[in-house]
Protein backbone atom coordinates (compact mmCIF):
# COMPACT_ATOMS: atom_id res chain seq x y z
CA MET A 1 133.88 118.95 89.52
CA PRO A 2 135.26 121.21 92.27
CA LEU A 3 135.22 119.71 95.72
CA TRP A 4 133.07 122.54 97.14
CA LEU A 5 130.41 121.97 94.50
CA ALA A 6 130.40 118.22 95.03
CA ARG A 7 129.99 118.63 98.76
CA THR A 8 127.25 121.24 98.28
CA LEU A 9 125.28 118.88 96.03
CA VAL A 10 125.48 115.97 98.45
CA PHE A 11 124.71 118.18 101.43
CA GLY A 12 121.80 119.92 99.71
CA THR A 13 120.08 116.87 98.25
CA SER A 14 120.37 114.97 101.54
CA ALA A 15 118.87 117.95 103.37
CA VAL A 16 115.98 118.21 100.92
CA VAL A 17 115.11 114.52 101.33
CA LEU A 18 114.77 115.00 105.09
CA VAL A 19 112.81 118.22 104.62
CA ILE A 20 110.38 116.20 102.49
CA GLU A 21 110.23 113.45 105.11
CA ILE A 22 109.17 115.85 107.87
CA LEU A 23 106.73 117.80 105.69
CA ALA A 24 105.14 114.55 104.53
CA GLY A 25 103.58 114.13 107.94
CA ARG A 26 101.99 117.58 107.73
CA LEU A 27 100.67 116.97 104.23
CA MET A 28 99.27 113.53 105.08
CA ALA A 29 97.60 114.53 108.34
CA PRO A 30 94.26 115.60 106.78
CA TYR A 31 93.85 112.11 105.31
CA VAL A 32 95.43 109.60 107.73
CA GLY A 33 95.99 111.70 110.84
CA ILE A 34 99.13 111.95 112.91
CA SER A 35 100.16 108.91 114.91
CA LEU A 36 103.12 106.66 115.54
CA GLU A 37 101.91 104.54 112.62
CA THR A 38 101.93 107.60 110.34
CA PHE A 39 105.53 108.45 111.18
CA THR A 40 106.54 104.80 110.97
CA GLY A 41 105.13 104.60 107.45
CA ILE A 42 106.80 107.85 106.40
CA ILE A 43 110.21 106.91 107.79
CA GLY A 44 110.03 103.44 106.24
CA VAL A 45 109.06 104.68 102.78
CA ILE A 46 111.66 107.47 102.76
CA LEU A 47 114.39 105.07 103.92
CA ALA A 48 113.39 102.67 101.16
CA GLY A 49 113.57 105.55 98.68
CA ILE A 50 117.03 106.54 99.92
CA ALA A 51 118.25 102.96 99.60
CA LEU A 52 116.79 102.48 96.12
CA GLY A 53 118.12 105.83 94.95
CA ALA A 54 121.63 105.15 96.25
CA TRP A 55 121.72 101.73 94.57
CA ALA A 56 120.25 102.92 91.27
CA GLY A 57 122.44 106.03 91.20
CA GLY A 58 125.58 104.00 91.75
CA VAL A 59 124.70 101.48 89.04
CA SER A 60 123.84 104.24 86.55
CA ALA A 61 127.04 106.15 87.32
CA ASP A 62 129.11 103.04 86.50
CA ARG A 63 127.37 102.53 83.15
CA GLY A 64 127.92 105.94 81.59
CA ASP A 65 129.13 109.47 82.05
CA PRO A 66 128.05 110.33 85.62
CA ALA A 67 128.28 114.07 84.95
CA ARG A 68 125.38 113.82 82.49
CA LEU A 69 123.13 112.35 85.19
CA LEU A 70 123.22 115.24 87.64
CA GLY A 71 121.00 117.65 85.68
CA PRO A 72 118.19 115.16 85.00
CA LEU A 73 118.29 113.80 88.55
CA LEU A 74 118.04 117.25 90.12
CA VAL A 75 115.33 118.45 87.74
CA GLY A 76 113.40 115.19 88.12
CA GLY A 77 113.73 115.24 91.89
CA GLY A 78 112.62 118.86 92.04
CA VAL A 79 109.60 118.27 89.80
CA ALA A 80 108.65 115.20 91.85
CA THR A 81 108.84 117.38 94.98
CA LEU A 82 106.67 120.05 93.37
CA VAL A 83 103.90 117.59 92.53
CA ALA A 84 104.10 115.58 95.76
CA ALA A 85 101.43 117.62 97.58
CA PRO A 86 98.85 117.49 94.75
CA ILE A 87 99.45 113.76 94.31
CA GLY A 88 99.00 113.29 98.05
CA ASP A 89 95.70 115.21 97.91
CA VAL A 90 94.36 113.02 95.12
CA VAL A 91 95.44 109.72 96.67
CA GLY A 92 94.44 110.80 100.17
CA ARG A 93 90.87 111.53 99.07
CA LEU A 94 90.65 108.10 97.46
CA LEU A 95 91.78 106.23 100.55
CA GLU A 96 89.30 104.69 102.94
CA GLY A 97 90.85 104.22 106.36
CA ALA A 98 93.99 105.29 108.13
CA GLY A 99 95.73 102.01 108.87
CA PRO A 100 99.30 100.95 108.03
CA VAL A 101 98.44 99.90 104.46
CA GLU A 102 96.78 103.23 103.65
CA ILE A 103 99.62 105.16 105.23
CA VAL A 104 102.28 103.34 103.19
CA ILE A 105 100.27 103.70 99.96
CA LEU A 106 99.82 107.43 100.47
CA THR A 107 103.45 108.02 101.44
CA ALA A 108 104.84 105.97 98.58
CA SER A 109 102.61 107.55 95.95
CA ALA A 110 103.53 111.11 96.89
CA PHE A 111 107.00 111.07 98.41
CA ALA A 112 108.93 107.98 97.31
CA LEU A 113 109.94 109.32 93.87
CA PRO A 114 111.61 112.55 95.04
CA ALA A 115 113.46 110.55 97.71
CA VAL A 116 114.72 108.08 95.09
CA LEU A 117 115.83 110.68 92.54
CA LEU A 118 117.52 113.04 94.98
CA SER A 119 119.23 110.19 96.86
CA ALA A 120 120.75 109.04 93.57
CA VAL A 121 122.81 112.24 93.40
CA SER A 122 125.30 111.23 96.14
CA PRO A 123 126.70 108.08 94.46
CA VAL A 124 126.90 109.95 91.16
CA VAL A 125 128.96 112.70 92.80
CA VAL A 126 131.17 110.08 94.47
CA LYS A 127 131.81 108.48 91.08
CA ILE A 128 132.78 111.85 89.60
CA ARG A 129 135.16 112.65 92.43
CA LEU A 130 136.71 109.19 92.66
CA ALA A 131 140.03 109.47 90.83
CA SER A 132 141.64 106.19 91.94
CA LEU A 133 140.86 103.08 93.97
CA GLY A 134 143.50 104.13 96.45
CA GLU A 135 141.28 106.92 97.78
CA THR A 136 137.96 105.04 97.76
CA GLY A 137 137.58 105.01 101.53
CA THR A 138 138.36 108.70 101.92
CA VAL A 139 135.99 109.81 99.14
CA VAL A 140 133.10 107.52 100.05
CA GLY A 141 133.47 108.17 103.78
CA SER A 142 133.72 111.95 103.46
CA PHE A 143 130.68 112.24 101.21
CA SER A 144 128.71 109.89 103.43
CA ALA A 145 129.51 112.20 106.34
CA ILE A 146 128.56 115.29 104.33
CA GLY A 147 125.26 113.67 103.36
CA THR A 148 124.51 112.80 106.97
CA VAL A 149 125.25 116.36 108.09
CA GLY A 150 122.93 117.65 105.36
CA ALA A 151 120.20 115.29 106.54
CA LEU A 152 120.65 116.51 110.12
CA VAL A 153 120.48 120.15 109.07
CA GLY A 154 117.37 119.46 107.00
CA THR A 155 115.76 117.68 109.94
CA PHE A 156 116.54 120.26 112.62
CA ALA A 157 115.91 123.30 110.43
CA THR A 158 112.54 122.00 109.28
CA GLY A 159 111.28 120.68 112.59
CA PHE A 160 112.47 123.53 114.78
CA VAL A 161 112.32 126.55 112.48
CA LEU A 162 110.81 126.23 109.02
CA VAL A 163 107.44 124.66 109.85
CA ALA A 164 106.78 127.52 112.26
CA ALA A 165 107.84 130.17 109.75
CA VAL A 166 106.61 128.95 106.36
CA PRO A 167 103.41 127.07 105.41
CA THR A 168 104.03 123.48 104.29
CA ARG A 169 103.01 123.72 100.65
CA PRO A 170 105.01 126.84 99.82
CA LEU A 171 107.98 125.25 101.61
CA MET A 172 107.68 122.15 99.43
CA ALA A 173 107.45 124.43 96.40
CA ILE A 174 110.59 126.31 97.45
CA VAL A 175 112.79 123.25 97.93
CA GLY A 176 111.44 121.67 94.75
CA THR A 177 112.09 124.78 92.71
CA LEU A 178 115.61 125.14 94.10
CA SER A 179 116.34 121.56 93.10
CA VAL A 180 115.02 122.16 89.59
CA LEU A 181 117.08 125.33 89.22
CA ALA A 182 120.21 123.49 90.35
CA GLY A 183 119.54 120.82 87.76
CA LEU A 184 119.01 123.44 85.09
CA ALA A 185 122.40 124.89 85.84
CA PHE A 186 123.99 121.52 85.04
CA LEU A 187 121.91 121.14 81.91
CA VAL A 188 122.92 124.60 80.70
CA SER A 189 126.56 123.88 81.42
CA SER A 190 126.32 120.80 79.21
CA ARG A 191 124.60 122.86 76.47
CA ARG A 192 121.32 120.96 76.71
CA PHE A 193 119.38 124.17 76.22
CA VAL A 194 116.08 122.64 75.07
CA ALA A 195 115.77 120.51 78.14
CA ALA A 196 116.87 123.44 80.27
CA GLY A 197 114.22 125.74 78.81
CA MET A 198 111.45 123.20 79.30
CA GLY A 199 112.58 122.50 82.83
CA ALA A 200 112.78 126.21 83.66
CA ALA A 201 109.23 126.82 82.51
CA LEU A 202 108.01 123.81 84.49
CA ALA A 203 109.88 124.89 87.59
CA VAL A 204 108.58 128.46 87.50
CA LEU A 205 104.98 127.48 86.75
CA GLY A 206 104.92 124.55 89.15
CA GLY A 207 106.65 126.36 91.98
CA ALA A 208 104.46 129.45 91.69
CA GLY A 209 101.29 127.42 91.33
CA LEU A 210 101.96 125.20 94.32
CA ALA A 211 103.07 128.12 96.46
CA ALA A 212 99.72 129.80 95.78
CA ALA A 213 97.63 126.63 95.98
CA GLY A 214 95.82 125.93 99.21
CA GLY A 215 95.33 122.56 100.81
CA PRO A 216 92.42 121.23 102.83
CA CYS A 217 93.36 123.31 105.91
CA ASP A 218 92.00 126.72 106.82
CA ILE A 219 94.93 127.11 109.19
CA GLU A 220 98.06 125.02 109.54
CA SER A 221 99.41 124.89 113.07
CA ALA A 222 102.51 123.15 114.33
CA TYR A 223 100.31 120.20 115.37
CA HIS A 224 97.21 120.10 113.19
CA CYS A 225 95.55 120.83 109.91
CA VAL A 226 92.79 123.07 111.28
CA SER A 227 89.44 123.95 109.73
CA VAL A 228 86.46 125.81 111.18
CA ARG A 229 83.19 125.03 109.42
CA VAL A 230 79.75 126.59 109.73
CA ASP A 231 76.91 124.20 110.52
CA PRO A 232 74.44 124.53 107.60
CA ASP A 233 71.58 123.45 109.87
CA ARG A 234 72.50 125.78 112.72
CA PRO A 235 73.88 129.15 111.54
CA SER A 236 75.45 129.87 114.93
CA GLY A 237 77.12 126.45 115.08
CA ARG A 238 80.82 125.99 114.35
CA SER A 239 82.68 122.71 113.99
CA LEU A 240 86.40 122.53 114.68
CA TRP A 241 88.15 119.97 112.48
CA LEU A 242 91.66 118.81 113.35
CA ASP A 243 93.24 116.69 110.63
CA THR A 244 90.70 113.97 109.81
CA LEU A 245 88.26 114.43 112.70
CA ARG A 246 85.59 116.84 113.89
CA HIS A 247 86.93 117.52 117.37
CA SER A 248 84.65 120.20 118.79
CA TYR A 249 81.35 121.94 118.25
CA VAL A 250 80.62 125.45 119.50
CA ASP A 251 77.34 127.37 119.38
CA LEU A 252 78.22 131.06 119.25
CA ASP A 253 74.79 132.04 120.57
CA ASP A 254 74.41 129.33 123.21
CA PRO A 255 77.57 128.34 125.13
CA THR A 256 75.58 125.74 127.06
CA HIS A 257 74.76 123.77 123.89
CA LEU A 258 76.51 120.40 123.73
CA GLU A 259 76.35 118.80 120.31
CA PHE A 260 78.44 115.68 120.81
CA ARG A 261 77.35 112.66 122.81
CA TYR A 262 80.61 112.43 124.72
CA THR A 263 80.41 116.08 125.84
CA GLN A 264 76.89 115.43 127.15
CA LEU A 265 78.20 112.42 129.07
CA ILE A 266 81.08 114.36 130.62
CA ALA A 267 78.80 117.26 131.55
CA SER A 268 76.38 114.83 133.19
CA ILE A 269 79.19 113.30 135.25
CA GLN A 270 80.40 116.79 136.21
CA SER A 271 76.91 117.63 137.44
CA ILE A 272 77.02 115.08 140.27
CA SER A 273 80.19 116.46 141.85
CA THR A 274 80.21 118.67 144.94
CA GLU A 275 77.31 121.13 145.09
CA GLY A 276 78.08 124.71 144.19
CA PRO A 277 81.13 125.99 142.30
CA ILE A 278 83.92 123.58 141.44
CA ASP A 279 87.48 123.89 140.23
CA ALA A 280 88.15 121.84 137.10
CA LEU A 281 91.21 121.01 135.06
CA PHE A 282 90.86 120.14 131.38
CA VAL A 283 93.63 118.24 129.62
CA GLY A 284 93.09 119.36 126.04
CA GLY A 285 91.14 122.42 124.97
CA GLY A 286 90.04 121.92 121.37
CA GLY A 287 87.09 124.25 120.93
CA PHE A 288 86.93 124.85 124.74
CA THR A 289 83.29 123.71 124.71
CA LEU A 290 83.33 121.89 128.04
CA PRO A 291 85.26 124.53 130.06
CA VAL A 292 82.90 127.26 128.88
CA HIS A 293 79.87 125.06 129.51
CA LEU A 294 81.04 124.45 133.08
CA VAL A 295 81.42 128.11 134.04
CA GLU A 296 78.14 129.00 132.32
CA THR A 297 76.11 126.31 134.08
CA ARG A 298 77.84 126.43 137.47
CA PRO A 299 78.50 130.09 138.31
CA GLY A 300 81.59 130.66 140.38
CA SER A 301 83.36 127.61 138.98
CA THR A 302 86.80 127.83 137.43
CA ALA A 303 88.12 125.92 134.44
CA HIS A 304 91.85 125.67 133.86
CA VAL A 305 92.84 124.26 130.47
CA LEU A 306 96.10 122.69 129.33
CA GLU A 307 96.30 123.02 125.54
CA ILE A 308 99.44 122.27 123.57
CA ASP A 309 98.49 124.15 120.39
CA PRO A 310 98.53 127.97 120.66
CA VAL A 311 96.65 128.24 117.36
CA LEU A 312 93.60 126.62 118.96
CA VAL A 313 93.69 129.24 121.70
CA GLU A 314 93.71 131.97 119.05
CA ILE A 315 90.81 130.32 117.22
CA ALA A 316 88.85 130.09 120.47
CA GLU A 317 89.28 133.83 120.98
CA ASN A 318 88.88 135.03 117.40
CA ASP A 319 86.38 132.55 115.91
CA PHE A 320 84.42 131.34 118.93
CA GLY A 321 84.38 134.57 120.95
CA ILE A 322 85.80 132.99 124.10
CA THR A 323 87.30 135.39 126.61
CA PHE A 324 89.99 133.92 128.82
CA GLY A 325 90.22 135.42 132.27
CA ALA A 326 89.28 134.66 135.85
CA ASP A 327 86.78 131.89 135.04
CA VAL A 328 88.49 130.13 132.12
CA THR A 329 92.27 130.15 132.09
CA VAL A 330 94.65 128.38 129.76
CA ASP A 331 98.27 127.26 129.83
CA VAL A 332 99.81 126.58 126.44
CA GLY A 333 102.05 123.54 126.64
CA ASP A 334 102.23 119.79 127.04
CA ALA A 335 100.01 118.58 129.89
CA ARG A 336 102.55 115.94 130.87
CA LEU A 337 105.08 118.69 131.57
CA ALA A 338 102.63 121.11 133.17
CA LEU A 339 100.94 118.76 135.61
CA PRO A 340 103.92 118.10 137.94
CA GLY A 341 104.14 121.82 138.68
CA MET A 342 100.56 122.03 139.97
CA ASP A 343 99.51 121.95 143.61
CA ASP A 344 98.22 118.84 145.35
CA ASP A 345 94.45 118.52 145.81
CA ALA A 346 93.84 121.53 143.55
CA PHE A 347 90.87 120.34 141.48
CA ASP A 348 87.50 118.75 142.08
CA ILE A 349 87.46 117.19 138.63
CA VAL A 350 90.02 116.55 135.89
CA VAL A 351 88.81 115.93 132.34
CA GLY A 352 91.10 114.14 129.89
CA ASP A 353 90.12 115.10 126.34
CA ALA A 354 93.37 115.39 124.40
CA PHE A 355 93.72 113.69 121.03
CA GLY A 356 96.11 113.33 118.14
CA GLY A 357 93.79 111.96 115.47
CA LEU A 358 91.77 109.13 117.00
CA SER A 359 94.35 108.31 119.63
CA VAL A 360 95.12 109.90 122.96
CA PRO A 361 98.81 110.93 123.00
CA TRP A 362 100.48 107.90 124.54
CA HIS A 363 102.25 109.81 127.31
CA LEU A 364 98.83 110.97 128.59
CA THR A 365 97.59 107.39 128.98
CA THR A 366 100.11 105.84 131.34
CA GLU A 367 100.03 104.90 135.00
CA GLU A 368 102.66 107.54 135.72
CA PHE A 369 100.54 110.29 134.18
CA LEU A 370 97.38 109.16 135.96
CA ALA A 371 99.29 109.17 139.24
CA GLU A 372 99.94 112.88 138.66
CA VAL A 373 96.26 113.38 137.89
CA ASP A 374 95.39 111.63 141.15
CA ARG A 375 97.79 113.90 143.02
CA VAL A 376 96.17 117.13 141.85
CA LEU A 377 92.64 115.84 142.53
CA ALA A 378 91.05 116.84 145.81
CA PRO A 379 89.88 113.99 148.10
CA GLY A 380 86.84 112.43 146.48
CA GLY A 381 87.63 114.19 143.20
CA VAL A 382 86.84 112.55 139.88
CA TYR A 383 88.89 111.92 136.75
CA VAL A 384 86.86 111.70 133.56
CA MET A 385 88.63 110.54 130.40
CA ASN A 386 87.31 110.43 126.84
CA VAL A 387 88.76 107.71 124.61
CA ILE A 388 87.84 106.55 121.12
CA ASP A 389 88.10 102.89 120.20
CA TYR A 390 86.35 100.25 118.14
CA PRO A 391 86.01 96.48 118.52
CA PRO A 392 87.85 94.59 119.89
CA LEU A 393 88.35 97.68 122.14
CA ARG A 394 91.87 96.72 123.18
CA PHE A 395 92.97 100.30 123.85
CA ALA A 396 89.84 101.21 125.81
CA ALA A 397 90.28 98.08 127.93
CA ALA A 398 93.96 98.86 128.56
CA GLN A 399 93.13 102.44 129.50
CA ALA A 400 90.46 101.24 131.91
CA ALA A 401 92.93 98.77 133.42
CA THR A 402 95.47 101.57 133.83
CA ALA A 403 92.92 103.78 135.58
CA ALA A 404 92.07 100.89 137.91
CA ALA A 405 95.75 100.59 138.81
CA VAL A 406 95.73 104.19 140.09
CA PHE A 407 92.21 104.95 141.36
CA ASP A 408 90.26 103.03 143.99
CA ASP A 409 87.02 102.97 142.04
CA VAL A 410 86.71 103.02 138.25
CA ALA A 411 83.74 102.68 135.90
CA VAL A 412 83.19 102.75 132.16
CA VAL A 413 80.29 104.78 130.76
CA ALA A 414 79.19 103.71 127.29
CA PRO A 415 76.22 102.35 125.32
CA PRO A 416 75.43 98.68 126.01
CA ASP A 417 76.53 97.54 122.55
CA TYR A 418 79.90 99.26 123.06
CA LEU A 419 80.41 97.41 126.31
CA ALA A 420 79.44 94.17 124.58
CA GLY A 421 82.14 94.76 121.97
CA GLU A 422 79.67 95.06 119.11
CA ARG A 423 80.30 98.71 118.20
CA GLY A 424 82.66 101.48 119.11
CA GLY A 425 83.19 105.21 119.36
CA ASN A 426 83.59 107.56 122.30
CA ILE A 427 83.91 105.72 125.62
CA ILE A 428 84.12 107.51 128.97
CA ILE A 429 86.30 106.19 131.80
CA VAL A 430 85.65 107.56 135.29
CA GLY A 431 87.96 107.11 138.26
CA SER A 432 88.12 108.33 141.85
CA ASP A 433 89.83 107.58 145.15
CA GLY A 434 86.41 107.68 146.78
CA PRO A 435 83.45 105.50 145.84
CA LEU A 436 81.75 106.54 142.62
CA ASP A 437 78.05 107.28 142.97
CA ARG A 438 76.92 105.15 140.04
CA GLU A 439 73.25 105.74 140.80
CA ALA A 440 73.72 109.51 140.68
CA ILE A 441 75.64 109.26 137.39
CA THR A 442 72.89 107.09 135.91
CA ASP A 443 70.21 109.53 137.07
CA ALA A 444 72.13 112.44 135.55
CA LEU A 445 72.45 110.57 132.26
CA LEU A 446 68.72 109.81 132.22
CA ALA A 447 67.94 113.45 132.97
CA ALA A 448 70.03 114.40 129.95
CA GLY A 449 68.17 111.89 127.78
CA ARG A 450 71.08 109.49 127.59
CA ASP A 451 70.84 105.69 127.76
CA GLU A 452 74.49 104.86 128.42
CA VAL A 453 75.35 102.24 131.03
CA VAL A 454 77.63 102.79 134.04
CA THR A 455 79.50 99.56 134.70
CA GLU A 456 79.33 97.83 138.06
CA ASP A 457 82.32 95.86 139.34
CA ALA A 458 81.58 92.64 137.47
CA ALA A 459 80.81 94.38 134.18
CA PHE A 460 83.95 96.48 134.55
CA ALA A 461 86.06 93.36 135.08
CA ASP A 462 84.51 91.79 131.98
CA PHE A 463 85.27 94.91 129.95
CA VAL A 464 88.91 95.04 131.07
CA GLY A 465 89.53 91.31 130.73
CA ASP A 466 93.25 90.57 130.64
CA ALA A 467 94.26 93.97 129.24
CA ASP A 468 97.71 95.23 130.17
CA VAL A 469 98.30 98.32 132.28
CA LEU A 470 99.96 101.08 130.26
CA PHE A 471 103.10 102.67 131.68
CA ASP A 472 105.83 104.92 130.34
CA ASP A 473 107.97 102.04 129.10
CA PHE A 474 105.03 100.22 127.50
CA ALA A 475 102.19 102.23 125.98
CA PRO A 476 101.55 100.97 122.41
CA VAL A 477 98.44 103.12 122.04
CA ASP A 478 98.39 103.27 118.24
CA GLN A 479 98.89 99.53 117.96
CA LEU A 480 96.08 98.73 120.43
CA LEU A 481 93.63 101.18 118.88
CA SER A 482 91.14 99.88 116.34
CA ARG A 483 89.97 102.40 113.76
């Protein structure tokens, strides 16, 4: 085998394995969400596949003619790549939950086999190129380096370029088909025409079918699997689904309608702030329900939104009819990067409502981030944060403890059984440098028909318990969160 061909095979198969690894997160998001646990499961399974493939490929190459293995490995790896997305859809729909076990099961069922088969190519190529024991180090080392470079190219090209240019499923179909075609070339060269013909038909049909097949997303952004669904009970209602969760609800005919309990709570807390127009900052846009509600119900107010996903801004304009302008403005980007550039004392209220799946992105939970929030709040301003957690509520308690480390007065607003640790869901944390008017918040909640409790000092201390404060060097949000 020519050296250029050997290096191309090792480079290409290593790149494809890393392309699959990155795309796996996109394909799994509708079923288990995107979190540190998701990526941990993916990386672990793919690494296990690489290790198993390298070991099995080396053993097989020593037991027979290694040249005869390349065609079947490439065709098999390509076919396994082509069917990975459909397998993931089937298994994902069968799973109940999004914990570590479910993540590993889903990853292994869909993506372990292509990683194993394609990773077996490198030791086979090394065996073919190894002419004598005297050059073992040079051959093994050089091909290891080539494989690593291929993996790096696959990683950077996919993460920085391909996912923004090509939808995930067609991209999987492309790399799978290319692998099959490469394998067919080896089969043809060894005169195994029957196998080549069958593989060609499978590659063409599978690649074309998967490229045309849609997944569970209406739109695939760089961050989410996005779907907009019509409410069958309210024709003007639209639900925005991001990955596994319904994140927002918008009534096209009534921008003051608040469907979700947590939005009603936040709006009630907003209502007790300074009389007249207010300036608000929203960390996370989603369906932009709360910013629009604010400017509709308090004329003259302004709502500035920090939203990381430009696709959600487009959906807000095109699907929800939201016009961005003087009243509602938006900056597309990471809130953690945008906040330091904002003026001191600029906002009367800051609302934290950014999520990746069930969890708040960890870097938006820490003491350092909340210190920036405190800086941009006007004297007496209020920070209102929406979190989701379930018993034993370790994340909610840690987030409350972190808020208490920054703000002078902090309260938790939640149903009594949530505070007692019996149930879970959306929990609101409120903080301010001035004293919180708990009576006014309670009255506003009652006026809105809500029965949530606003914690006093003793109840707040009981809720927090011995929870740790989250900071940039220690914010294990996904590990603390109970689903």
